[in-house]
Amino acid sequence: MNLLELKNLLDATGLPVAYSHFTETTNSPIPNPPYITYLINNSSNLFADNKVYKKVNNAQVELYTNKKNLQTEEIIEDLFEQNEIPFETSELWIESEKLFQKTYELRLI
């Protein structure tokens, strides 16, 4: 899966989706939660013969909600499972934003 395919998959949730962050403009305000951001945070490439044999990007998909939302989490997790995308999760409360952040860690090969 590549980055464009991941974006298309996340769009299927029906939630607002942006790479890295949303940028507020006069015509496009930052959406109200829930919304999703995604980004490539590093790589774990496979090497052979002093070359990159296979590119592997480590992606983070972040779900932001103003309250714990098991139904939305299930939609995202079902999409990953249906598309055979293994993931790890973590979660935190961002006090300054008053938002929950559920992070899904994936590998794009």
C-alpha atoms as a PDB file:
ATOM      1  CA  MET A   1       0.000   0.000   0.000  1.00  0.00           C
ATOM      2  CA  ASN A   2       1.264   3.455  -0.821  1.00  0.00           C
ATOM      3  CA  LEU A   3       0.394   6.841   0.652  1.00  0.00           C
ATOM      4  CA  LEU A   4      -2.295   7.622  -1.949  1.00  0.00           C
ATOM      5  CA  GLU A   5      -3.989   4.279  -1.328  1.00  0.00           C
ATOM      6  CA  LEU A   6      -3.923   4.959   2.416  1.00  0.00           C
ATOM      7  CA  LYS A   7      -5.510   8.380   1.835  1.00  0.00           C
ATOM      8  CA  ASN A   8      -8.258   6.828  -0.291  1.00  0.00           C
ATOM      9  CA  LEU A   9      -8.899   4.197   2.376  1.00  0.00           C
ATOM     10  CA  LEU A  10      -9.168   6.836   5.104  1.00  0.00           C
ATOM     11  CA  ASP A  11     -11.516   8.916   2.933  1.00  0.00           C
ATOM     12  CA  ALA A  12     -13.872   5.912   2.937  1.00  0.00           C
ATOM     13  CA  THR A  13     -14.568   6.593   6.634  1.00  0.00           C
ATOM     14  CA  GLY A  14     -16.480   9.740   5.649  1.00  0.00           C
ATOM     15  CA  LEU A  15     -14.461  11.776   8.161  1.00  0.00           C
ATOM     16  CA  PRO A  16     -12.349  14.806   7.220  1.00  0.00           C
ATOM     17  CA  VAL A  17      -8.801  13.630   6.377  1.00  0.00           C
ATOM     18  CA  ALA A  18      -5.560  15.615   5.981  1.00  0.00           C
ATOM     19  CA  TYR A  19      -1.871  14.834   5.670  1.00  0.00           C
ATOM     20  CA  SER A  20      -0.070  15.915   8.859  1.00  0.00           C
ATOM     21  CA  HIS A  21      -2.537  18.648   9.877  1.00  0.00           C
ATOM     22  CA  PHE A  22      -5.405  20.827   8.764  1.00  0.00           C
ATOM     23  CA  THR A  23      -4.600  24.375   7.696  1.00  0.00           C
ATOM     24  CA  GLU A  24      -7.264  26.947   8.418  1.00  0.00           C
ATOM     25  CA  THR A  25      -8.120  29.416   5.677  1.00  0.00           C
ATOM     26  CA  THR A  26     -11.038  31.811   5.222  1.00  0.00           C
ATOM     27  CA  ASN A  27     -12.702  29.328   2.852  1.00  0.00           C
ATOM     28  CA  SER A  28     -11.742  26.187   4.745  1.00  0.00           C
ATOM     29  CA  PRO A  29     -11.930  26.200   8.548  1.00  0.00           C
ATOM     30  CA  ILE A  30     -10.452  23.391  10.618  1.00  0.00           C
ATOM     31  CA  PRO A  31     -13.168  20.726  10.918  1.00  0.00           C
ATOM     32  CA  ASN A  32     -14.861  19.869  14.162  1.00  0.00           C
ATOM     33  CA  PRO A  33     -13.889  16.479  15.619  1.00  0.00           C
ATOM     34  CA  PRO A  34     -13.917  13.669  14.796  1.00  0.00           C
ATOM     35  CA  TYR A  35     -11.283  13.961  12.085  1.00  0.00           C
ATOM     36  CA  ILE A  36      -8.216  12.058  10.872  1.00  0.00           C
ATOM     37  CA  THR A  37      -4.660  13.055  10.086  1.00  0.00           C
ATOM     38  CA  TYR A  38      -1.965  10.788   8.708  1.00  0.00           C
ATOM     39  CA  LEU A  39       1.752  11.084   8.026  1.00  0.00           C
ATOM     40  CA  ILE A  40       4.936   9.182   7.362  1.00  0.00           C
ATOM     41  CA  ASN A  41       7.106   9.552  10.454  1.00  0.00           C
ATOM     42  CA  ASN A  42      10.108   7.438   9.370  1.00  0.00           C
ATOM     43  CA  SER A  43      11.142   4.414   7.331  1.00  0.00           C
ATOM     44  CA  SER A  44      12.282   0.860   8.039  1.00  0.00           C
ATOM     45  CA  ASN A  45      13.665   0.052   4.604  1.00  0.00           C
ATOM     46  CA  LEU A  46      15.077  -3.374   3.777  1.00  0.00           C
ATOM     47  CA  PHE A  47      18.619  -3.375   2.406  1.00  0.00           C
ATOM     48  CA  ALA A  48      20.500  -5.786   0.151  1.00  0.00           C
ATOM     49  CA  ASP A  49      23.757  -5.374  -1.779  1.00  0.00           C
ATOM     50  CA  ASN A  50      24.223  -1.839  -0.444  1.00  0.00           C
ATOM     51  CA  LYS A  51      20.884  -0.732  -1.882  1.00  0.00           C
ATOM     52  CA  VAL A  52      17.382  -0.190  -0.654  1.00  0.00           C
ATOM     53  CA  TYR A  53      15.826  -3.506  -1.599  1.00  0.00           C
ATOM     54  CA  LYS A  54      12.316  -2.644  -0.410  1.00  0.00           C
ATOM     55  CA  LYS A  55      10.999   0.706   0.801  1.00  0.00           C
ATOM     56  CA  VAL A  56       8.981   0.481   3.999  1.00  0.00           C
ATOM     57  CA  ASN A  57       7.349   3.633   5.336  1.00  0.00           C
ATOM     58  CA  ASN A  58       6.113   3.808   8.914  1.00  0.00           C
ATOM     59  CA  ALA A  59       2.866   5.723   8.932  1.00  0.00           C
ATOM     60  CA  GLN A  60       0.769   7.165  11.723  1.00  0.00           C
ATOM     61  CA  VAL A  61      -2.960   7.593  11.387  1.00  0.00           C
ATOM     62  CA  GLU A  62      -4.371   9.798  14.125  1.00  0.00           C
ATOM     63  CA  LEU A  63      -8.045   9.983  15.045  1.00  0.00           C
ATOM     64  CA  TYR A  64      -9.049  13.080  17.020  1.00  0.00           C
ATOM     65  CA  THR A  65     -12.302  13.116  18.987  1.00  0.00           C
ATOM     66  CA  ASN A  66     -13.676  15.321  21.740  1.00  0.00           C
ATOM     67  CA  LYS A  67     -14.978  12.242  23.578  1.00  0.00           C
ATOM     68  CA  LYS A  68     -14.083   8.556  23.458  1.00  0.00           C
ATOM     69  CA  ASN A  69     -15.735   7.249  20.291  1.00  0.00           C
ATOM     70  CA  LEU A  70     -15.656   3.449  20.050  1.00  0.00           C
ATOM     71  CA  GLN A  71     -17.903   3.408  16.975  1.00  0.00           C
ATOM     72  CA  THR A  72     -15.538   5.596  14.941  1.00  0.00           C
ATOM     73  CA  GLU A  73     -12.525   3.600  16.123  1.00  0.00           C
ATOM     74  CA  GLU A  74     -14.280   0.414  15.010  1.00  0.00           C
ATOM     75  CA  ILE A  75     -14.908   1.872  11.529  1.00  0.00           C
ATOM     76  CA  ILE A  76     -11.205   2.622  11.111  1.00  0.00           C
ATOM     77  CA  GLU A  77     -10.060  -0.695  12.556  1.00  0.00           C
ATOM     78  CA  ASP A  78     -12.517  -2.646  10.388  1.00  0.00           C
ATOM     79  CA  LEU A  79     -11.154  -0.881   7.291  1.00  0.00           C
ATOM     80  CA  PHE A  80      -7.620  -1.847   8.240  1.00  0.00           C
ATOM     81  CA  GLU A  81      -8.620  -5.447   8.948  1.00  0.00           C
ATOM     82  CA  GLN A  82     -10.651  -5.789   5.720  1.00  0.00           C
ATOM     83  CA  ASN A  83      -7.616  -4.563   3.770  1.00  0.00           C
ATOM     84  CA  GLU A  84      -5.191  -6.787   5.719  1.00  0.00           C
ATOM     85  CA  ILE A  85      -3.294  -3.864   7.227  1.00  0.00           C
ATOM     86  CA  PRO A  86      -1.789  -4.778  10.596  1.00  0.00           C
ATOM     87  CA  PHE A  87      -1.655  -1.966  13.127  1.00  0.00           C
ATOM     88  CA  GLU A  88      -0.640  -1.022  16.649  1.00  0.00           C
ATOM     89  CA  THR A  89      -2.500   1.602  18.675  1.00  0.00           C
ATOM     90  CA  SER A  90      -1.896   4.094  21.430  1.00  0.00           C
ATOM     91  CA  GLU A  91      -4.115   6.742  22.929  1.00  0.00           C
ATOM     92  CA  LEU A  92      -3.779   9.948  24.882  1.00  0.00           C
ATOM     93  CA  TRP A  93      -5.736  12.928  26.112  1.00  0.00           C
ATOM     94  CA  ILE A  94      -4.453  16.289  24.875  1.00  0.00           C
ATOM     95  CA  GLU A  95      -5.407  18.615  27.712  1.00  0.00           C
ATOM     96  CA  SER A  96      -4.596  21.861  25.865  1.00  0.00           C
ATOM     97  CA  GLU A  97      -6.865  20.886  22.953  1.00  0.00           C
ATOM     98  CA  LYS A  98      -9.458  18.987  25.005  1.00  0.00           C
ATOM     99  CA  LEU A  99      -9.202  16.126  22.503  1.00  0.00           C
ATOM    100  CA  PHE A 100      -8.530  12.416  22.561  1.00  0.00           C
ATOM    101  CA  GLN A 101      -5.898  11.241  20.091  1.00  0.00           C
ATOM    102  CA  LYS A 102      -5.986   7.592  19.031  1.00  0.00           C
ATOM    103  CA  THR A 103      -2.876   6.741  17.018  1.00  0.00           C
ATOM    104  CA  TYR A 104      -2.649   3.798  14.628  1.00  0.00           C
ATOM    105  CA  GLU A 105       0.861   2.786  13.601  1.00  0.00           C
ATOM    106  CA  LEU A 106       1.124   1.056  10.220  1.00  0.00           C
ATOM    107  CA  ARG A 107       3.817  -0.043   7.796  1.00  0.00           C
ATOM    108  CA  LEU A 108       3.343   0.806   4.137  1.00  0.00           C
ATOM    109  CA  ILE A 109       5.218  -1.582   1.865  1.00  0.00           C
END
